[in-house]
Amino acid sequence: MVESRTAGRQLTVAATALLTGATVLAVAFGRIWGADQDVLVTNWSWDRVFIPRGPLLPALTLFALAAGALAGLALRRTLPALTVGLGVTLVVRLYLRELWKPLRGALPGFWELQLAATAMVVVLAGAAAAGAYAVPRRQAG
């Protein structure tokens, strides 16, 4: 029980630091992109503009942490867990890009799509975090 609390605190500290950094980067990117649209890519539906410009970047960062924690607890090996966590996060990111690619001409709007994608990634992060908390209990029992 004590190890679980310590691991939970460590995960919370890591999540707080990562979310803070990703949020600062997303806000900075959004301001720079908004100010220099004539110089930068103007199509917001491109994944290199869409992902870092809003709350989707912190959500993907949180998902990557949760997926890595789940992989680490399940595999109990650092390098394979990092590989699996990175791979799963990359698959989710590429899936998001493919999700809105066919809709490029009929996209509802930046914020509608950004918030829908963010909600989907937050649900996935919650599922991965729940799995990370369930793995030690299953291994102990």
N, C-alpha and C. Protein backbone atom coordinates (compact mmCIF):
# COMPACT_ATOMS: atom_id res chain seq x y z
N MET A 1 0.82 -1.19 0.00
CA MET A 1 0.00 0.00 0.00
C MET A 1 0.87 1.26 0.00
N VAL A 2 1.96 1.24 0.79
CA VAL A 2 2.85 2.39 0.86
C VAL A 2 3.54 2.61 -0.48
N GLU A 3 3.95 1.51 -1.15
CA GLU A 3 4.59 1.62 -2.46
C GLU A 3 3.62 2.21 -3.47
N SER A 4 2.35 1.85 -3.38
CA SER A 4 1.34 2.36 -4.30
C SER A 4 1.17 3.86 -4.13
N ARG A 5 1.16 4.34 -2.88
CA ARG A 5 1.04 5.77 -2.63
C ARG A 5 2.25 6.52 -3.14
N THR A 6 3.44 5.96 -2.91
CA THR A 6 4.67 6.60 -3.39
C THR A 6 4.68 6.67 -4.91
N ALA A 7 4.30 5.58 -5.55
CA ALA A 7 4.24 5.57 -7.01
C ALA A 7 3.19 6.55 -7.52
N GLY A 8 2.08 6.64 -6.83
CA GLY A 8 1.04 7.59 -7.21
C GLY A 8 1.52 9.02 -7.09
N ARG A 9 2.25 9.33 -6.03
CA ARG A 9 2.82 10.68 -5.87
C ARG A 9 3.83 10.98 -6.96
N GLN A 10 4.68 10.02 -7.24
CA GLN A 10 5.69 10.22 -8.29
C GLN A 10 5.02 10.45 -9.64
N LEU A 11 3.99 9.71 -9.92
CA LEU A 11 3.26 9.88 -11.18
C LEU A 11 2.56 11.24 -11.22
N THR A 12 2.03 11.68 -10.10
CA THR A 12 1.38 12.98 -10.02
C THR A 12 2.37 14.11 -10.24
N VAL A 13 3.54 14.01 -9.62
CA VAL A 13 4.58 15.03 -9.80
C VAL A 13 5.03 15.09 -11.25
N ALA A 14 5.25 13.93 -11.85
CA ALA A 14 5.64 13.88 -13.26
C ALA A 14 4.55 14.45 -14.15
N ALA A 15 3.30 14.09 -13.89
CA ALA A 15 2.19 14.59 -14.69
C ALA A 15 2.06 16.10 -14.58
N THR A 16 2.22 16.63 -13.37
CA THR A 16 2.12 18.08 -13.17
C THR A 16 3.21 18.81 -13.95
N ALA A 17 4.43 18.32 -13.86
CA ALA A 17 5.53 18.96 -14.59
C ALA A 17 5.32 18.88 -16.10
N LEU A 18 4.93 17.72 -16.59
CA LEU A 18 4.71 17.55 -18.03
C LEU A 18 3.54 18.38 -18.53
N LEU A 19 2.45 18.41 -17.79
CA LEU A 19 1.30 19.22 -18.20
C LEU A 19 1.61 20.70 -18.19
N THR A 20 2.36 21.15 -17.21
CA THR A 20 2.76 22.56 -17.15
C THR A 20 3.61 22.92 -18.36
N GLY A 21 4.62 22.12 -18.63
CA GLY A 21 5.50 22.39 -19.77
C GLY A 21 4.76 22.34 -21.09
N ALA A 22 3.91 21.33 -21.28
CA ALA A 22 3.17 21.20 -22.54
C ALA A 22 2.17 22.34 -22.71
N THR A 23 1.56 22.78 -21.62
CA THR A 23 0.62 23.90 -21.70
C THR A 23 1.33 25.18 -22.08
N VAL A 24 2.49 25.44 -21.48
CA VAL A 24 3.28 26.63 -21.83
C VAL A 24 3.66 26.58 -23.31
N LEU A 25 4.11 25.43 -23.77
CA LEU A 25 4.47 25.29 -25.19
C LEU A 25 3.27 25.50 -26.11
N ALA A 26 2.11 24.95 -25.74
CA ALA A 26 0.91 25.10 -26.57
C ALA A 26 0.47 26.56 -26.64
N VAL A 27 0.51 27.26 -25.51
CA VAL A 27 0.13 28.68 -25.49
C VAL A 27 1.12 29.50 -26.32
N ALA A 28 2.41 29.24 -26.15
CA ALA A 28 3.42 29.96 -26.91
C ALA A 28 3.27 29.70 -28.41
N PHE A 29 3.07 28.45 -28.79
CA PHE A 29 2.90 28.12 -30.20
C PHE A 29 1.66 28.80 -30.76
N GLY A 30 0.56 28.77 -30.02
CA GLY A 30 -0.67 29.41 -30.48
C GLY A 30 -0.50 30.90 -30.69
N ARG A 31 0.20 31.56 -29.79
CA ARG A 31 0.42 33.01 -29.94
C ARG A 31 1.32 33.32 -31.13
N ILE A 32 2.39 32.55 -31.27
CA ILE A 32 3.31 32.78 -32.39
C ILE A 32 2.61 32.48 -33.71
N TRP A 33 1.89 31.38 -33.78
CA TRP A 33 1.20 31.00 -35.00
C TRP A 33 0.14 32.04 -35.35
N GLY A 34 -0.57 32.53 -34.36
CA GLY A 34 -1.60 33.53 -34.61
C GLY A 34 -1.03 34.86 -35.07
N ALA A 35 0.15 35.21 -34.60
CA ALA A 35 0.75 36.50 -34.96
C ALA A 35 1.43 36.47 -36.33
N ASP A 36 1.94 35.33 -36.75
CA ASP A 36 2.72 35.25 -37.98
C ASP A 36 2.11 34.30 -39.00
N GLN A 37 0.81 34.35 -39.19
CA GLN A 37 0.18 33.44 -40.14
C GLN A 37 0.62 33.69 -41.57
N ASP A 38 1.02 34.91 -41.89
CA ASP A 38 1.46 35.18 -43.25
C ASP A 38 2.81 34.54 -43.56
N VAL A 39 3.59 34.24 -42.53
CA VAL A 39 4.90 33.63 -42.72
C VAL A 39 4.83 32.12 -42.50
N LEU A 40 4.04 31.70 -41.52
CA LEU A 40 3.94 30.28 -41.17
C LEU A 40 2.86 29.59 -41.98
N VAL A 41 2.74 28.30 -41.79
CA VAL A 41 1.69 27.52 -42.45
C VAL A 41 0.33 28.07 -42.02
N THR A 42 -0.54 28.32 -42.98
CA THR A 42 -1.81 28.94 -42.64
C THR A 42 -2.95 27.93 -42.47
N ASN A 43 -2.74 26.70 -42.86
CA ASN A 43 -3.81 25.70 -42.78
C ASN A 43 -3.79 25.04 -41.40
N TRP A 44 -4.75 25.37 -40.57
CA TRP A 44 -4.76 24.85 -39.20
C TRP A 44 -5.04 23.36 -39.14
N SER A 45 -5.53 22.76 -40.22
CA SER A 45 -5.84 21.33 -40.18
C SER A 45 -4.60 20.46 -40.33
N TRP A 46 -3.46 21.03 -40.66
CA TRP A 46 -2.23 20.24 -40.72
C TRP A 46 -1.87 19.81 -39.31
N ASP A 47 -1.48 18.57 -39.14
CA ASP A 47 -1.24 18.06 -37.78
C ASP A 47 -0.10 18.78 -37.08
N ARG A 48 0.84 19.33 -37.82
CA ARG A 48 1.95 20.06 -37.18
C ARG A 48 1.51 21.43 -36.68
N VAL A 49 0.35 21.87 -37.07
CA VAL A 49 -0.23 23.11 -36.55
C VAL A 49 -1.34 22.76 -35.56
N PHE A 50 -2.16 21.79 -35.93
CA PHE A 50 -3.35 21.46 -35.13
C PHE A 50 -3.00 20.93 -33.74
N ILE A 51 -2.07 19.99 -33.66
CA ILE A 51 -1.77 19.34 -32.38
C ILE A 51 -1.14 20.30 -31.36
N PRO A 52 -0.09 21.05 -31.70
CA PRO A 52 0.53 21.86 -30.66
C PRO A 52 -0.17 23.18 -30.36
N ARG A 53 -1.24 23.49 -31.05
CA ARG A 53 -1.84 24.80 -30.90
C ARG A 53 -2.91 24.89 -29.82
N GLY A 54 -3.31 23.79 -29.23
CA GLY A 54 -4.38 23.84 -28.25
C GLY A 54 -4.18 22.83 -27.15
N PRO A 55 -5.26 22.47 -26.48
CA PRO A 55 -5.16 21.54 -25.35
C PRO A 55 -4.83 20.10 -25.74
N LEU A 56 -4.79 19.81 -27.02
CA LEU A 56 -4.44 18.46 -27.45
C LEU A 56 -3.00 18.10 -27.11
N LEU A 57 -2.09 19.06 -27.16
CA LEU A 57 -0.69 18.78 -26.82
C LEU A 57 -0.53 18.33 -25.37
N PRO A 58 -1.06 19.07 -24.38
CA PRO A 58 -0.97 18.56 -23.00
C PRO A 58 -1.69 17.22 -22.82
N ALA A 59 -2.80 17.01 -23.51
CA ALA A 59 -3.52 15.74 -23.39
C ALA A 59 -2.68 14.59 -23.93
N LEU A 60 -2.02 14.79 -25.07
CA LEU A 60 -1.15 13.74 -25.62
C LEU A 60 0.03 13.47 -24.70
N THR A 61 0.55 14.52 -24.07
CA THR A 61 1.66 14.36 -23.13
C THR A 61 1.21 13.53 -21.93
N LEU A 62 0.03 13.82 -21.42
CA LEU A 62 -0.52 13.06 -20.30
C LEU A 62 -0.76 11.61 -20.70
N PHE A 63 -1.27 11.39 -21.91
CA PHE A 63 -1.47 10.03 -22.39
C PHE A 63 -0.15 9.28 -22.50
N ALA A 64 0.88 9.95 -23.00
CA ALA A 64 2.19 9.31 -23.14
C ALA A 64 2.71 8.88 -21.77
N LEU A 65 2.54 9.72 -20.76
CA LEU A 65 2.98 9.36 -19.40
C LEU A 65 2.19 8.16 -18.88
N ALA A 66 0.88 8.17 -19.05
CA ALA A 66 0.05 7.07 -18.55
C ALA A 66 0.36 5.77 -19.30
N ALA A 67 0.53 5.86 -20.62
CA ALA A 67 0.86 4.66 -21.41
C ALA A 67 2.22 4.12 -21.01
N GLY A 68 3.18 5.01 -20.78
CA GLY A 68 4.51 4.58 -20.34
C GLY A 68 4.48 3.94 -18.97
N ALA A 69 3.69 4.52 -18.06
CA ALA A 69 3.57 3.94 -16.72
C ALA A 69 2.92 2.56 -16.77
N LEU A 70 1.88 2.43 -17.56
CA LEU A 70 1.22 1.13 -17.71
C LEU A 70 2.18 0.10 -18.31
N ALA A 71 2.90 0.49 -19.35
CA ALA A 71 3.86 -0.43 -19.97
C ALA A 71 4.97 -0.80 -18.99
N GLY A 72 5.45 0.17 -18.22
CA GLY A 72 6.50 -0.10 -17.25
C GLY A 72 6.08 -1.06 -16.17
N LEU A 73 4.86 -0.90 -15.69
CA LEU A 73 4.37 -1.80 -14.65
C LEU A 73 4.06 -3.19 -15.19
N ALA A 74 3.57 -3.23 -16.42
CA ALA A 74 3.22 -4.53 -17.00
C ALA A 74 4.46 -5.31 -17.43
N LEU A 75 5.43 -4.62 -18.01
CA LEU A 75 6.61 -5.30 -18.54
C LEU A 75 7.76 -5.43 -17.53
N ARG A 76 7.79 -4.52 -16.57
CA ARG A 76 8.84 -4.50 -15.54
C ARG A 76 10.25 -4.40 -16.14
N ARG A 77 10.37 -3.81 -17.30
CA ARG A 77 11.66 -3.59 -17.96
C ARG A 77 11.61 -2.18 -18.55
N THR A 78 12.62 -1.38 -18.28
CA THR A 78 12.58 0.03 -18.65
C THR A 78 12.59 0.26 -20.15
N LEU A 79 13.56 -0.26 -20.85
CA LEU A 79 13.68 0.01 -22.28
C LEU A 79 12.50 -0.53 -23.09
N PRO A 80 12.07 -1.76 -22.87
CA PRO A 80 10.87 -2.20 -23.59
C PRO A 80 9.63 -1.36 -23.25
N ALA A 81 9.52 -0.93 -21.99
CA ALA A 81 8.38 -0.10 -21.60
C ALA A 81 8.42 1.25 -22.30
N LEU A 82 9.61 1.85 -22.40
CA LEU A 82 9.74 3.12 -23.12
C LEU A 82 9.36 2.94 -24.59
N THR A 83 9.79 1.85 -25.17
CA THR A 83 9.49 1.58 -26.57
C THR A 83 7.99 1.40 -26.78
N VAL A 84 7.36 0.63 -25.92
CA VAL A 84 5.92 0.40 -26.03
C VAL A 84 5.15 1.71 -25.80
N GLY A 85 5.52 2.46 -24.77
CA GLY A 85 4.86 3.73 -24.49
C GLY A 85 4.97 4.71 -25.65
N LEU A 86 6.16 4.81 -26.22
CA LEU A 86 6.37 5.68 -27.38
C LEU A 86 5.57 5.19 -28.58
N GLY A 87 5.59 3.89 -28.81
CA GLY A 87 4.85 3.33 -29.95
C GLY A 87 3.36 3.55 -29.85
N VAL A 88 2.80 3.32 -28.68
CA VAL A 88 1.36 3.51 -28.50
C VAL A 88 0.99 4.99 -28.66
N THR A 89 1.81 5.88 -28.12
CA THR A 89 1.55 7.31 -28.26
C THR A 89 1.63 7.73 -29.73
N LEU A 90 2.60 7.22 -30.44
CA LEU A 90 2.73 7.54 -31.87
C LEU A 90 1.53 7.02 -32.65
N VAL A 91 1.06 5.83 -32.33
CA VAL A 91 -0.12 5.29 -33.01
C VAL A 91 -1.34 6.18 -32.76
N VAL A 92 -1.53 6.63 -31.53
CA VAL A 92 -2.66 7.52 -31.23
C VAL A 92 -2.53 8.83 -31.99
N ARG A 93 -1.33 9.39 -32.04
CA ARG A 93 -1.10 10.65 -32.76
C ARG A 93 -1.37 10.48 -34.25
N LEU A 94 -0.89 9.40 -34.83
CA LEU A 94 -1.13 9.16 -36.26
C LEU A 94 -2.60 8.87 -36.54
N TYR A 95 -3.26 8.20 -35.60
CA TYR A 95 -4.70 7.96 -35.76
C TYR A 95 -5.47 9.28 -35.78
N LEU A 96 -5.07 10.21 -34.91
CA LEU A 96 -5.74 11.50 -34.89
C LEU A 96 -5.57 12.22 -36.22
N ARG A 97 -4.36 12.14 -36.79
CA ARG A 97 -4.12 12.80 -38.07
C ARG A 97 -5.00 12.18 -39.16
N GLU A 98 -5.10 10.86 -39.15
CA GLU A 98 -5.92 10.18 -40.15
C GLU A 98 -7.41 10.42 -39.92
N LEU A 99 -7.78 10.70 -38.68
CA LEU A 99 -9.19 10.92 -38.33
C LEU A 99 -9.75 12.15 -39.03
N TRP A 100 -8.99 13.24 -39.06
CA TRP A 100 -9.53 14.45 -39.67
C TRP A 100 -9.05 14.68 -41.10
N LYS A 101 -8.16 13.85 -41.61
CA LYS A 101 -7.66 14.01 -42.98
C LYS A 101 -8.78 13.98 -44.04
N PRO A 102 -9.71 13.01 -44.00
CA PRO A 102 -10.77 13.00 -45.02
C PRO A 102 -11.75 14.16 -44.88
N LEU A 103 -11.77 14.78 -43.72
CA LEU A 103 -12.72 15.87 -43.47
C LEU A 103 -12.16 17.24 -43.81
N ARG A 104 -10.96 17.30 -44.40
CA ARG A 104 -10.25 18.56 -44.58
C ARG A 104 -11.09 19.65 -45.21
N GLY A 105 -11.90 19.30 -46.19
CA GLY A 105 -12.72 20.31 -46.84
C GLY A 105 -13.95 20.68 -46.03
N ALA A 106 -14.38 19.82 -45.14
CA ALA A 106 -15.63 20.05 -44.40
C ALA A 106 -15.42 20.06 -42.89
N LEU A 107 -14.25 20.48 -42.45
CA LEU A 107 -13.99 20.51 -41.01
C LEU A 107 -14.92 21.51 -40.32
N PRO A 108 -15.47 21.15 -39.18
CA PRO A 108 -16.43 22.02 -38.51
C PRO A 108 -15.80 23.29 -37.96
N GLY A 109 -14.56 23.26 -37.61
CA GLY A 109 -13.88 24.40 -37.03
C GLY A 109 -12.76 23.92 -36.12
N PHE A 110 -11.80 24.78 -35.91
CA PHE A 110 -10.62 24.40 -35.15
C PHE A 110 -10.99 23.94 -33.74
N TRP A 111 -11.72 24.76 -33.00
CA TRP A 111 -11.96 24.45 -31.59
C TRP A 111 -12.87 23.25 -31.40
N GLU A 112 -13.83 23.06 -32.27
CA GLU A 112 -14.70 21.89 -32.15
C GLU A 112 -13.89 20.60 -32.29
N LEU A 113 -13.06 20.56 -33.32
CA LEU A 113 -12.24 19.39 -33.56
C LEU A 113 -11.16 19.22 -32.50
N GLN A 114 -10.55 20.32 -32.08
CA GLN A 114 -9.51 20.30 -31.05
C GLN A 114 -10.05 19.74 -29.74
N LEU A 115 -11.21 20.21 -29.33
CA LEU A 115 -11.80 19.75 -28.07
C LEU A 115 -12.28 18.30 -28.16
N ALA A 116 -12.82 17.90 -29.30
CA ALA A 116 -13.25 16.50 -29.47
C ALA A 116 -12.04 15.56 -29.42
N ALA A 117 -10.96 15.93 -30.11
CA ALA A 117 -9.75 15.10 -30.09
C ALA A 117 -9.14 15.08 -28.69
N THR A 118 -9.14 16.22 -28.02
CA THR A 118 -8.60 16.28 -26.65
C THR A 118 -9.40 15.40 -25.71
N ALA A 119 -10.71 15.43 -25.83
CA ALA A 119 -11.56 14.59 -24.97
C ALA A 119 -11.26 13.11 -25.21
N MET A 120 -11.09 12.74 -26.47
CA MET A 120 -10.79 11.34 -26.78
C MET A 120 -9.45 10.93 -26.16
N VAL A 121 -8.45 11.78 -26.26
CA VAL A 121 -7.13 11.44 -25.72
C VAL A 121 -7.16 11.43 -24.19
N VAL A 122 -7.91 12.32 -23.57
CA VAL A 122 -8.02 12.32 -22.11
C VAL A 122 -8.69 11.04 -21.62
N VAL A 123 -9.70 10.57 -22.34
CA VAL A 123 -10.36 9.29 -21.97
C VAL A 123 -9.35 8.15 -22.09
N LEU A 124 -8.56 8.14 -23.17
CA LEU A 124 -7.53 7.11 -23.33
C LEU A 124 -6.48 7.20 -22.22
N ALA A 125 -6.10 8.42 -21.85
CA ALA A 125 -5.14 8.59 -20.76
C ALA A 125 -5.71 8.08 -19.44
N GLY A 126 -6.98 8.34 -19.20
CA GLY A 126 -7.63 7.84 -18.00
C GLY A 126 -7.67 6.32 -17.97
N ALA A 127 -7.95 5.72 -19.12
CA ALA A 127 -7.97 4.25 -19.20
C ALA A 127 -6.58 3.68 -18.95
N ALA A 128 -5.55 4.31 -19.52
CA ALA A 128 -4.18 3.84 -19.31
C ALA A 128 -3.77 4.02 -17.84
N ALA A 129 -4.16 5.14 -17.23
CA ALA A 129 -3.83 5.36 -15.82
C ALA A 129 -4.55 4.35 -14.93
N ALA A 130 -5.80 4.08 -15.23
CA ALA A 130 -6.54 3.06 -14.46
C ALA A 130 -5.88 1.70 -14.61
N GLY A 131 -5.45 1.40 -15.81
CA GLY A 131 -4.72 0.15 -16.02
C GLY A 131 -3.42 0.10 -15.26
N ALA A 132 -2.73 1.24 -15.19
CA ALA A 132 -1.47 1.30 -14.45
C ALA A 132 -1.69 1.06 -12.95
N TYR A 133 -2.81 1.53 -12.43
CA TYR A 133 -3.10 1.28 -11.02
C TYR A 133 -3.61 -0.14 -10.79
N ALA A 134 -4.19 -0.77 -11.80
CA ALA A 134 -4.72 -2.13 -11.66
C ALA A 134 -3.65 -3.20 -11.78
N VAL A 135 -2.59 -2.94 -12.54
CA VAL A 135 -1.56 -3.94 -12.77
C VAL A 135 -0.89 -4.42 -11.48
N PRO A 136 -0.44 -3.53 -10.59
CA PRO A 136 0.19 -4.03 -9.35
C PRO A 136 -0.74 -4.86 -8.48
N ARG A 137 -2.01 -4.49 -8.47
CA ARG A 137 -2.97 -5.27 -7.67
C ARG A 137 -3.14 -6.66 -8.24
N ARG A 138 -3.17 -6.76 -9.55
CA ARG A 138 -3.32 -8.06 -10.20
C ARG A 138 -2.09 -8.91 -10.00
N GLN A 139 -0.90 -8.30 -10.07
CA GLN A 139 0.34 -9.05 -9.88
C GLN A 139 0.50 -9.50 -8.43
N ALA A 140 0.01 -8.70 -7.49
CA ALA A 140 0.12 -9.05 -6.08
C ALA A 140 -0.87 -10.14 -5.69
N GLY A 141 -2.00 -10.18 -6.35
CA GLY A 141 -3.07 -11.10 -5.98
C GLY A 141 -3.02 -12.36 -6.70
